Every structure is written in structure tokens, then in C-alpha cells.
Amino acid sequence: MFLAAVTMLAGCGAAPEEEGAEFDVEVAESSLSFTGVPLYDAGTRCTVGGSTMHCCPTGYAMIGAHLGSDVYKCAKLSSTSGSRFLDVGTTRNGMHACPYGSVMVGLHVGNNHLACQSPGTGVVFETVDGSPGTSDTYPMHVCLAGGYAMSGINAGSNLFTCAR
């Protein structure tokens, strides 16, 4: 099932910082202004709001997750606004989600805790990517190509809210 919600917030993409730098063009088309090449992360931990969890490295947002292997696909945001923060109760699109306008940077599945961060550019669109969902060559469930980051998850139903 494919659901979408469009908002009136503005955002714009950004070009790579250096000429000739490695750059994932599909990720670059986002309002979120990703830079560089996405990476697979299996071990970065962070503590946000007193909750320790698996997180993408600082400055990165989650764009996919293989929950069974505890591996996240992370993309570097060109900028962020404010610090990472813990969300324990926001719901949107039938799942736990970061507050609108922020994206997931970490997750503790067992506690249903999300680490969230506001990107430096505005979120202009959200969609639900669901079971079986979009997958990459890892293979893992990922948000759609075109620069989407995870902003919510229903782990039991294999659903992501993806924002750009």
C-alpha cells in the first residue's frame, strides 16, 4: 500500500561540497540535502534522552534498516538543526514516528524508542513504504530512491514512514 501526504513546507536540495567528490545522485535529489555515499552501520551506539540505542553516525539519518541483523543504512545530511532527541510516543501514519519535520537517526526496537533529528532543510513530503517494501542489494528494507529518510517505523508490520 502506498500512502502519501504533501505539506506546504519549502525545502531545497544542495550540490556536493567539492567538485568530483563521490556522490549518490539518487540520494542527492532530496529536499533533505544528503551528501556522499550511504553506508551500512552495524555498531554505532548513542545515548539520547537517557536511552542507549543503535544510531547512525553523527550527522547521518536512517534511510533503511535490517532489523533482524541490527544493520542500518545511513545517509549523511548536509546539515542538521539542533541536537538529537528522544521520542517515545509520537504516532503518525499508524506507526511510531519522529515529530513532523524530523527524521530518524536511531532506534531501540525493544523499547520502541526513536532518536530523531531535525535536518537543516525542510521536509516537504512523506510516504509510507510497506510490506514487502522497497529493498536494496543488501538486501534490506529501505525508503524509496530519490532521497528519502526514515521518519517512522512499525517494526511488526514492516512499515516505514519516509520523508524528504
N, C-alpha and C. Protein backbone atom coordinates (compact mmCIF):
# COMPACT_ATOMS: atom_id res chain seq x y z
N MET A 1 0.84 -1.17 0.00
CA MET A 1 0.00 0.00 0.00
C MET A 1 0.89 1.23 0.00
N PHE A 2 0.53 2.23 -0.75
CA PHE A 2 1.33 3.43 -0.89
C PHE A 2 0.47 4.62 -0.51
N LEU A 3 0.79 5.24 0.61
CA LEU A 3 0.07 6.42 1.09
C LEU A 3 1.00 7.61 1.04
N ALA A 4 0.46 8.78 0.79
CA ALA A 4 1.32 9.95 0.74
C ALA A 4 0.61 11.15 1.33
N ALA A 5 1.39 12.03 1.89
CA ALA A 5 0.87 13.29 2.40
C ALA A 5 1.81 14.39 1.96
N VAL A 6 1.28 15.44 1.39
CA VAL A 6 2.09 16.55 0.93
C VAL A 6 1.85 17.74 1.85
N THR A 7 2.89 18.46 2.14
CA THR A 7 2.76 19.62 3.02
C THR A 7 3.14 20.88 2.28
N MET A 8 2.98 21.99 2.95
CA MET A 8 3.26 23.28 2.35
C MET A 8 4.64 23.81 2.72
N LEU A 9 5.46 23.01 3.43
CA LEU A 9 6.78 23.48 3.82
C LEU A 9 7.71 23.51 2.62
N ALA A 10 8.63 24.43 2.61
CA ALA A 10 9.57 24.54 1.49
C ALA A 10 10.89 23.90 1.86
N GLY A 11 11.60 23.42 0.85
CA GLY A 11 12.93 22.85 1.05
C GLY A 11 13.64 22.86 -0.27
N CYS A 12 14.96 22.72 -0.25
CA CYS A 12 15.69 22.69 -1.49
C CYS A 12 16.89 21.77 -1.35
N GLY A 13 17.34 21.24 -2.48
CA GLY A 13 18.48 20.34 -2.49
C GLY A 13 19.78 21.13 -2.48
N ALA A 14 20.86 20.43 -2.29
CA ALA A 14 22.17 21.07 -2.28
C ALA A 14 23.13 20.27 -3.13
N ALA A 15 24.09 20.95 -3.69
CA ALA A 15 25.10 20.30 -4.53
C ALA A 15 26.23 19.78 -3.65
N PRO A 16 27.03 18.86 -4.20
CA PRO A 16 28.16 18.37 -3.42
C PRO A 16 29.09 19.54 -3.07
N GLU A 17 29.76 19.39 -1.94
CA GLU A 17 30.62 20.46 -1.48
C GLU A 17 31.91 20.58 -2.30
N GLU A 18 32.43 19.49 -2.80
CA GLU A 18 33.65 19.57 -3.58
C GLU A 18 33.44 18.94 -4.94
N GLU A 19 34.03 19.54 -5.94
CA GLU A 19 33.96 19.03 -7.30
C GLU A 19 34.61 17.65 -7.35
N GLY A 20 33.93 16.70 -7.98
CA GLY A 20 34.50 15.37 -8.15
C GLY A 20 34.35 14.47 -6.94
N ALA A 21 33.71 14.93 -5.87
CA ALA A 21 33.54 14.09 -4.68
C ALA A 21 32.57 12.96 -5.01
N GLU A 22 32.76 11.80 -4.34
CA GLU A 22 31.80 10.70 -4.51
C GLU A 22 30.43 11.21 -4.11
N PHE A 23 29.42 10.87 -4.92
CA PHE A 23 28.11 11.43 -4.66
C PHE A 23 27.04 10.48 -5.18
N ASP A 24 26.07 10.12 -4.37
CA ASP A 24 24.97 9.26 -4.75
C ASP A 24 23.87 10.16 -5.30
N VAL A 25 23.70 10.17 -6.64
CA VAL A 25 22.78 11.10 -7.28
C VAL A 25 21.34 10.90 -6.80
N GLU A 26 20.87 9.64 -6.65
CA GLU A 26 19.50 9.43 -6.19
C GLU A 26 19.29 10.02 -4.80
N VAL A 27 20.24 9.87 -3.92
CA VAL A 27 20.12 10.42 -2.58
C VAL A 27 20.18 11.94 -2.64
N ALA A 28 20.92 12.50 -3.60
CA ALA A 28 21.11 13.95 -3.68
C ALA A 28 19.85 14.69 -4.09
N GLU A 29 18.86 14.03 -4.68
CA GLU A 29 17.67 14.70 -5.16
C GLU A 29 16.69 15.04 -4.05
N SER A 30 17.02 14.80 -2.83
CA SER A 30 16.14 15.02 -1.70
C SER A 30 16.09 16.47 -1.25
N SER A 31 14.95 16.86 -0.69
CA SER A 31 14.87 18.13 -0.01
C SER A 31 15.76 18.12 1.22
N LEU A 32 16.13 16.92 1.70
CA LEU A 32 16.94 16.79 2.90
C LEU A 32 18.41 17.08 2.67
N SER A 33 18.83 17.20 1.43
CA SER A 33 20.21 17.53 1.09
C SER A 33 21.21 16.54 1.67
N PHE A 34 21.16 15.30 1.20
CA PHE A 34 22.16 14.30 1.56
C PHE A 34 23.42 14.54 0.75
N THR A 35 24.56 14.15 1.31
CA THR A 35 25.82 14.24 0.58
C THR A 35 26.56 12.91 0.72
N GLY A 36 27.47 12.65 -0.20
CA GLY A 36 28.31 11.46 -0.10
C GLY A 36 27.59 10.17 -0.43
N VAL A 37 28.20 9.09 -0.05
CA VAL A 37 27.72 7.75 -0.34
C VAL A 37 27.12 7.17 0.94
N PRO A 38 25.91 6.58 0.87
CA PRO A 38 25.33 5.95 2.07
C PRO A 38 26.23 4.84 2.59
N LEU A 39 26.10 4.55 3.89
CA LEU A 39 26.89 3.48 4.48
C LEU A 39 25.99 2.55 5.29
N TYR A 40 26.48 1.32 5.48
CA TYR A 40 25.79 0.34 6.32
C TYR A 40 26.45 0.37 7.69
N ASP A 41 25.66 0.53 8.73
CA ASP A 41 26.18 0.65 10.08
C ASP A 41 25.64 -0.48 10.94
N ALA A 42 26.55 -1.21 11.59
CA ALA A 42 26.15 -2.33 12.43
C ALA A 42 26.54 -2.16 13.88
N GLY A 43 27.12 -1.02 14.26
CA GLY A 43 27.60 -0.98 15.63
C GLY A 43 27.59 0.35 16.33
N THR A 44 27.26 1.44 15.67
CA THR A 44 27.28 2.74 16.33
C THR A 44 26.18 2.81 17.37
N ARG A 45 26.55 3.21 18.56
CA ARG A 45 25.59 3.36 19.66
C ARG A 45 25.58 4.82 20.09
N CYS A 46 24.44 5.28 20.57
CA CYS A 46 24.33 6.62 21.12
C CYS A 46 23.37 6.57 22.30
N THR A 47 23.47 7.56 23.15
CA THR A 47 22.53 7.72 24.25
C THR A 47 21.83 9.05 24.04
N VAL A 48 20.51 8.96 23.91
CA VAL A 48 19.69 10.15 23.65
C VAL A 48 18.57 10.15 24.69
N GLY A 49 18.46 11.22 25.43
CA GLY A 49 17.40 11.32 26.44
C GLY A 49 17.46 10.20 27.46
N GLY A 50 18.66 9.69 27.75
CA GLY A 50 18.81 8.61 28.72
C GLY A 50 18.62 7.21 28.17
N SER A 51 18.29 7.09 26.88
CA SER A 51 18.08 5.78 26.25
C SER A 51 19.26 5.48 25.31
N THR A 52 19.92 4.34 25.55
CA THR A 52 21.03 3.92 24.68
C THR A 52 20.47 3.01 23.60
N MET A 53 20.89 3.26 22.37
CA MET A 53 20.35 2.52 21.22
C MET A 53 21.34 2.52 20.07
N HIS A 54 21.02 1.75 19.03
CA HIS A 54 21.79 1.75 17.79
C HIS A 54 21.41 3.02 17.03
N CYS A 55 22.41 3.77 16.60
CA CYS A 55 22.21 5.02 15.85
C CYS A 55 23.12 5.05 14.64
N CYS A 56 22.75 5.85 13.67
CA CYS A 56 23.67 6.18 12.59
C CYS A 56 24.75 7.08 13.17
N PRO A 57 25.90 7.17 12.52
CA PRO A 57 26.93 8.10 12.99
C PRO A 57 26.39 9.53 13.04
N THR A 58 27.00 10.37 13.83
CA THR A 58 26.59 11.76 13.95
C THR A 58 26.55 12.42 12.58
N GLY A 59 25.46 13.13 12.31
CA GLY A 59 25.28 13.82 11.04
C GLY A 59 24.60 13.00 9.97
N TYR A 60 24.30 11.72 10.27
CA TYR A 60 23.65 10.82 9.32
C TYR A 60 22.21 10.55 9.75
N ALA A 61 21.35 10.23 8.77
CA ALA A 61 19.97 9.83 9.03
C ALA A 61 19.76 8.41 8.52
N MET A 62 18.82 7.71 9.13
CA MET A 62 18.48 6.35 8.70
C MET A 62 17.70 6.41 7.39
N ILE A 63 18.13 5.62 6.40
CA ILE A 63 17.37 5.51 5.16
C ILE A 63 16.92 4.06 4.93
N GLY A 64 17.31 3.17 5.83
CA GLY A 64 16.89 1.77 5.74
C GLY A 64 17.30 1.03 6.99
N ALA A 65 16.70 -0.15 7.17
CA ALA A 65 17.02 -0.96 8.34
C ALA A 65 16.77 -2.43 8.05
N HIS A 66 17.71 -3.27 8.50
CA HIS A 66 17.53 -4.72 8.52
C HIS A 66 17.49 -5.06 10.00
N LEU A 67 16.28 -5.12 10.56
CA LEU A 67 16.12 -5.28 12.00
C LEU A 67 16.65 -6.61 12.50
N GLY A 68 16.51 -7.67 11.72
CA GLY A 68 16.98 -8.98 12.14
C GLY A 68 18.49 -9.04 12.33
N SER A 69 19.22 -8.23 11.58
CA SER A 69 20.69 -8.20 11.69
C SER A 69 21.18 -6.96 12.44
N ASP A 70 20.27 -6.08 12.83
CA ASP A 70 20.61 -4.82 13.50
C ASP A 70 21.61 -4.02 12.68
N VAL A 71 21.32 -3.88 11.37
CA VAL A 71 22.14 -3.08 10.46
C VAL A 71 21.26 -1.99 9.89
N TYR A 72 21.77 -0.75 9.91
CA TYR A 72 21.05 0.39 9.35
C TYR A 72 21.79 0.90 8.12
N LYS A 73 21.02 1.40 7.17
CA LYS A 73 21.61 2.12 6.04
C LYS A 73 21.47 3.59 6.38
N CYS A 74 22.58 4.31 6.34
CA CYS A 74 22.62 5.70 6.78
C CYS A 74 23.13 6.60 5.66
N ALA A 75 22.55 7.80 5.56
CA ALA A 75 23.00 8.79 4.57
C ALA A 75 23.35 10.07 5.31
N LYS A 76 24.42 10.71 4.88
CA LYS A 76 24.90 11.93 5.54
C LYS A 76 24.05 13.12 5.13
N LEU A 77 23.49 13.79 6.14
CA LEU A 77 22.76 15.04 5.92
C LEU A 77 23.77 16.16 5.68
N SER A 78 23.47 17.05 4.74
CA SER A 78 24.41 18.15 4.50
C SER A 78 24.41 19.12 5.67
N SER A 79 23.31 19.15 6.44
CA SER A 79 23.27 19.98 7.64
C SER A 79 22.16 19.47 8.55
N THR A 80 22.27 19.82 9.82
CA THR A 80 21.25 19.47 10.79
C THR A 80 20.87 20.72 11.57
N SER A 81 19.75 20.64 12.26
CA SER A 81 19.29 21.76 13.06
C SER A 81 19.02 21.24 14.47
N GLY A 82 19.81 21.69 15.42
CA GLY A 82 19.61 21.25 16.80
C GLY A 82 20.25 19.90 17.06
N SER A 83 20.05 19.42 18.28
CA SER A 83 20.62 18.15 18.72
C SER A 83 19.67 17.00 18.47
N ARG A 84 20.20 15.78 18.56
CA ARG A 84 19.36 14.58 18.52
C ARG A 84 18.46 14.60 19.74
N PHE A 85 17.26 14.05 19.61
CA PHE A 85 16.35 14.00 20.75
C PHE A 85 15.58 12.69 20.73
N LEU A 86 15.09 12.29 21.90
CA LEU A 86 14.37 11.04 22.08
C LEU A 86 12.88 11.27 21.86
N ASP A 87 12.25 10.34 21.13
CA ASP A 87 10.79 10.34 21.01
C ASP A 87 10.27 8.99 21.47
N VAL A 88 9.30 9.01 22.37
CA VAL A 88 8.73 7.77 22.90
C VAL A 88 7.25 7.63 22.62
N GLY A 89 6.60 8.61 21.99
CA GLY A 89 5.17 8.48 21.86
C GLY A 89 4.48 9.10 20.66
N THR A 90 5.19 9.80 19.79
CA THR A 90 4.53 10.40 18.63
C THR A 90 4.07 9.31 17.67
N THR A 91 2.84 9.41 17.18
CA THR A 91 2.36 8.46 16.18
C THR A 91 1.83 9.24 14.97
N ARG A 92 2.08 8.66 13.81
CA ARG A 92 1.60 9.22 12.55
C ARG A 92 1.61 8.08 11.53
N ASN A 93 0.68 8.06 10.64
CA ASN A 93 0.58 7.02 9.61
C ASN A 93 0.49 5.62 10.22
N GLY A 94 -0.12 5.50 11.40
CA GLY A 94 -0.30 4.20 12.03
C GLY A 94 0.95 3.60 12.62
N MET A 95 1.94 4.44 12.94
CA MET A 95 3.20 3.92 13.49
C MET A 95 3.86 4.97 14.37
N HIS A 96 4.85 4.52 15.14
CA HIS A 96 5.66 5.44 15.93
C HIS A 96 6.51 6.25 14.96
N ALA A 97 6.52 7.57 15.13
CA ALA A 97 7.23 8.44 14.22
C ALA A 97 7.90 9.58 14.97
N CYS A 98 8.94 10.11 14.39
CA CYS A 98 9.53 11.34 14.91
C CYS A 98 8.54 12.47 14.67
N PRO A 99 8.59 13.53 15.46
CA PRO A 99 7.72 14.67 15.19
C PRO A 99 7.90 15.14 13.74
N TYR A 100 6.81 15.62 13.13
CA TYR A 100 6.87 16.02 11.73
C TYR A 100 7.99 17.04 11.51
N GLY A 101 8.76 16.84 10.46
CA GLY A 101 9.86 17.73 10.14
C GLY A 101 11.20 17.19 10.60
N SER A 102 11.19 16.10 11.38
CA SER A 102 12.44 15.48 11.82
C SER A 102 12.53 14.07 11.25
N VAL A 103 13.72 13.50 11.29
CA VAL A 103 13.97 12.18 10.73
C VAL A 103 14.62 11.28 11.78
N MET A 104 14.54 9.98 11.53
CA MET A 104 15.15 9.01 12.45
C MET A 104 16.66 8.94 12.25
N VAL A 105 17.36 8.95 13.38
CA VAL A 105 18.81 8.75 13.36
C VAL A 105 19.19 7.54 14.20
N GLY A 106 18.23 6.98 14.94
CA GLY A 106 18.48 5.81 15.77
C GLY A 106 17.18 5.16 16.20
N LEU A 107 17.32 3.91 16.70
CA LEU A 107 16.15 3.12 17.05
C LEU A 107 16.51 2.09 18.11
N HIS A 108 15.64 1.95 19.10
CA HIS A 108 15.72 0.84 20.06
C HIS A 108 14.40 0.10 19.89
N VAL A 109 14.41 -0.99 19.13
CA VAL A 109 13.18 -1.72 18.79
C VAL A 109 12.47 -2.21 20.04
N GLY A 110 13.20 -2.84 20.97
CA GLY A 110 12.60 -3.42 22.16
C GLY A 110 11.87 -2.41 23.04
N ASN A 111 12.40 -1.19 23.14
CA ASN A 111 11.76 -0.15 23.94
C ASN A 111 10.85 0.75 23.12
N ASN A 112 10.82 0.57 21.79
CA ASN A 112 10.07 1.42 20.88
C ASN A 112 10.47 2.89 21.05
N HIS A 113 11.80 3.12 21.15
CA HIS A 113 12.34 4.46 21.27
C HIS A 113 12.96 4.87 19.94
N LEU A 114 12.74 6.12 19.55
CA LEU A 114 13.36 6.67 18.36
C LEU A 114 14.30 7.80 18.74
N ALA A 115 15.47 7.83 18.12
CA ALA A 115 16.33 9.01 18.19
C ALA A 115 16.02 9.81 16.93
N CYS A 116 15.70 11.07 17.10
CA CYS A 116 15.27 11.92 16.00
C CYS A 116 16.20 13.13 15.88
N GLN A 117 16.20 13.73 14.70
CA GLN A 117 17.00 14.95 14.47
C GLN A 117 16.30 15.75 13.39
N SER A 118 16.33 17.05 13.54
CA SER A 118 15.79 17.93 12.50
C SER A 118 16.88 18.17 11.47
N PRO A 119 16.58 17.91 10.19
CA PRO A 119 17.57 18.21 9.16
C PRO A 119 17.67 19.73 8.98
N GLY A 120 18.72 20.18 8.34
CA GLY A 120 18.91 21.60 8.10
C GLY A 120 17.99 22.16 7.04
N THR A 121 17.33 21.28 6.27
CA THR A 121 16.37 21.70 5.26
C THR A 121 15.01 21.11 5.62
N GLY A 122 13.96 21.71 5.12
CA GLY A 122 12.61 21.29 5.48
C GLY A 122 12.15 20.01 4.82
N VAL A 123 11.36 19.26 5.55
CA VAL A 123 10.68 18.08 5.00
C VAL A 123 9.49 18.60 4.20
N VAL A 124 9.34 18.14 2.96
CA VAL A 124 8.25 18.62 2.11
C VAL A 124 7.26 17.53 1.71
N PHE A 125 7.58 16.27 2.05
CA PHE A 125 6.74 15.16 1.59
C PHE A 125 7.00 13.95 2.47
N GLU A 126 5.95 13.18 2.75
CA GLU A 126 6.09 11.90 3.46
C GLU A 126 5.29 10.84 2.72
N THR A 127 5.76 9.60 2.81
CA THR A 127 5.06 8.48 2.23
C THR A 127 5.28 7.26 3.12
N VAL A 128 4.37 6.30 3.05
CA VAL A 128 4.54 5.05 3.78
C VAL A 128 5.04 4.00 2.81
N ASP A 129 6.15 3.36 3.17
CA ASP A 129 6.72 2.28 2.37
C ASP A 129 6.48 1.00 3.15
N GLY A 130 5.74 0.06 2.55
CA GLY A 130 5.31 -1.07 3.35
C GLY A 130 5.57 -2.42 2.78
N SER A 131 5.14 -3.38 3.56
CA SER A 131 5.40 -4.78 3.36
C SER A 131 4.98 -5.23 1.96
N PRO A 132 5.83 -5.79 1.12
CA PRO A 132 7.20 -6.15 1.45
C PRO A 132 8.15 -4.95 1.44
N GLY A 133 7.78 -3.84 0.88
CA GLY A 133 8.61 -2.64 0.93
C GLY A 133 9.70 -2.61 -0.11
N THR A 134 10.27 -1.44 -0.26
CA THR A 134 11.39 -1.24 -1.17
C THR A 134 12.62 -1.88 -0.54
N SER A 135 13.45 -2.52 -1.35
CA SER A 135 14.67 -3.11 -0.80
C SER A 135 15.86 -2.76 -1.68
N ASP A 136 17.04 -2.86 -1.08
CA ASP A 136 18.27 -2.62 -1.83
C ASP A 136 19.00 -3.94 -2.00
N THR A 137 20.25 -3.89 -2.42
CA THR A 137 21.01 -5.11 -2.71
C THR A 137 21.59 -5.77 -1.47
N TYR A 138 21.43 -5.17 -0.28
CA TYR A 138 22.00 -5.75 0.95
C TYR A 138 21.55 -7.19 1.16
N PRO A 139 20.29 -7.58 1.17
CA PRO A 139 19.08 -6.77 1.00
C PRO A 139 18.52 -6.31 2.35
N MET A 140 17.95 -5.11 2.32
CA MET A 140 17.25 -4.60 3.48
C MET A 140 16.13 -3.69 3.01
N HIS A 141 15.17 -3.48 3.90
CA HIS A 141 14.07 -2.56 3.63
C HIS A 141 14.64 -1.15 3.69
N VAL A 142 14.43 -0.38 2.64
CA VAL A 142 14.91 0.99 2.56
C VAL A 142 13.77 1.90 2.12
N CYS A 143 13.92 3.18 2.40
CA CYS A 143 12.98 4.15 1.86
C CYS A 143 13.21 4.25 0.35
N LEU A 144 12.23 4.76 -0.34
CA LEU A 144 12.30 4.91 -1.79
C LEU A 144 13.54 5.67 -2.22
N ALA A 145 14.01 5.40 -3.45
CA ALA A 145 15.11 6.17 -4.03
C ALA A 145 14.63 7.61 -4.20
N GLY A 146 15.55 8.52 -4.33
CA GLY A 146 15.18 9.91 -4.50
C GLY A 146 15.39 10.73 -3.26
N GLY A 147 16.11 10.20 -2.29
CA GLY A 147 16.50 10.99 -1.13
C GLY A 147 15.54 10.98 0.02
N TYR A 148 14.91 9.87 0.30
CA TYR A 148 14.02 9.77 1.46
C TYR A 148 14.79 9.27 2.67
N ALA A 149 14.42 9.76 3.85
CA ALA A 149 14.96 9.26 5.12
C ALA A 149 13.79 8.73 5.94
N MET A 150 14.08 7.77 6.80
CA MET A 150 13.05 7.23 7.68
C MET A 150 12.62 8.29 8.69
N SER A 151 11.31 8.40 8.89
CA SER A 151 10.81 9.30 9.93
C SER A 151 9.86 8.56 10.87
N GLY A 152 9.58 7.28 10.59
CA GLY A 152 8.73 6.47 11.45
C GLY A 152 8.87 5.01 11.09
N ILE A 153 8.45 4.13 12.04
CA ILE A 153 8.58 2.70 11.81
C ILE A 153 7.51 1.94 12.59
N ASN A 154 6.96 0.91 11.95
CA ASN A 154 6.15 -0.10 12.60
C ASN A 154 6.88 -1.41 12.32
N ALA A 155 7.75 -1.80 13.25
CA ALA A 155 8.62 -2.96 13.05
C ALA A 155 7.82 -4.25 12.84
N GLY A 156 6.73 -4.42 13.57
CA GLY A 156 5.93 -5.64 13.46
C GLY A 156 5.24 -5.81 12.12
N SER A 157 4.94 -4.71 11.45
CA SER A 157 4.27 -4.75 10.14
C SER A 157 5.20 -4.45 8.98
N ASN A 158 6.49 -4.23 9.27
CA ASN A 158 7.47 -3.89 8.24
C ASN A 158 7.05 -2.66 7.44
N LEU A 159 6.63 -1.62 8.15
CA LEU A 159 6.24 -0.36 7.52
C LEU A 159 7.18 0.76 7.98
N PHE A 160 7.55 1.62 7.04
CA PHE A 160 8.34 2.82 7.34
C PHE A 160 7.54 4.02 6.89
N THR A 161 7.60 5.11 7.64
CA THR A 161 7.24 6.42 7.11
C THR A 161 8.55 7.00 6.61
N CYS A 162 8.56 7.46 5.37
CA CYS A 162 9.76 8.00 4.75
C CYS A 162 9.49 9.46 4.37
N ALA A 163 10.44 10.33 4.69
CA ALA A 163 10.28 11.76 4.47
C ALA A 163 11.38 12.28 3.56
N ARG A 164 11.05 13.34 2.82
CA ARG A 164 12.08 14.07 2.06
C ARG A 164 11.73 15.52 2.02
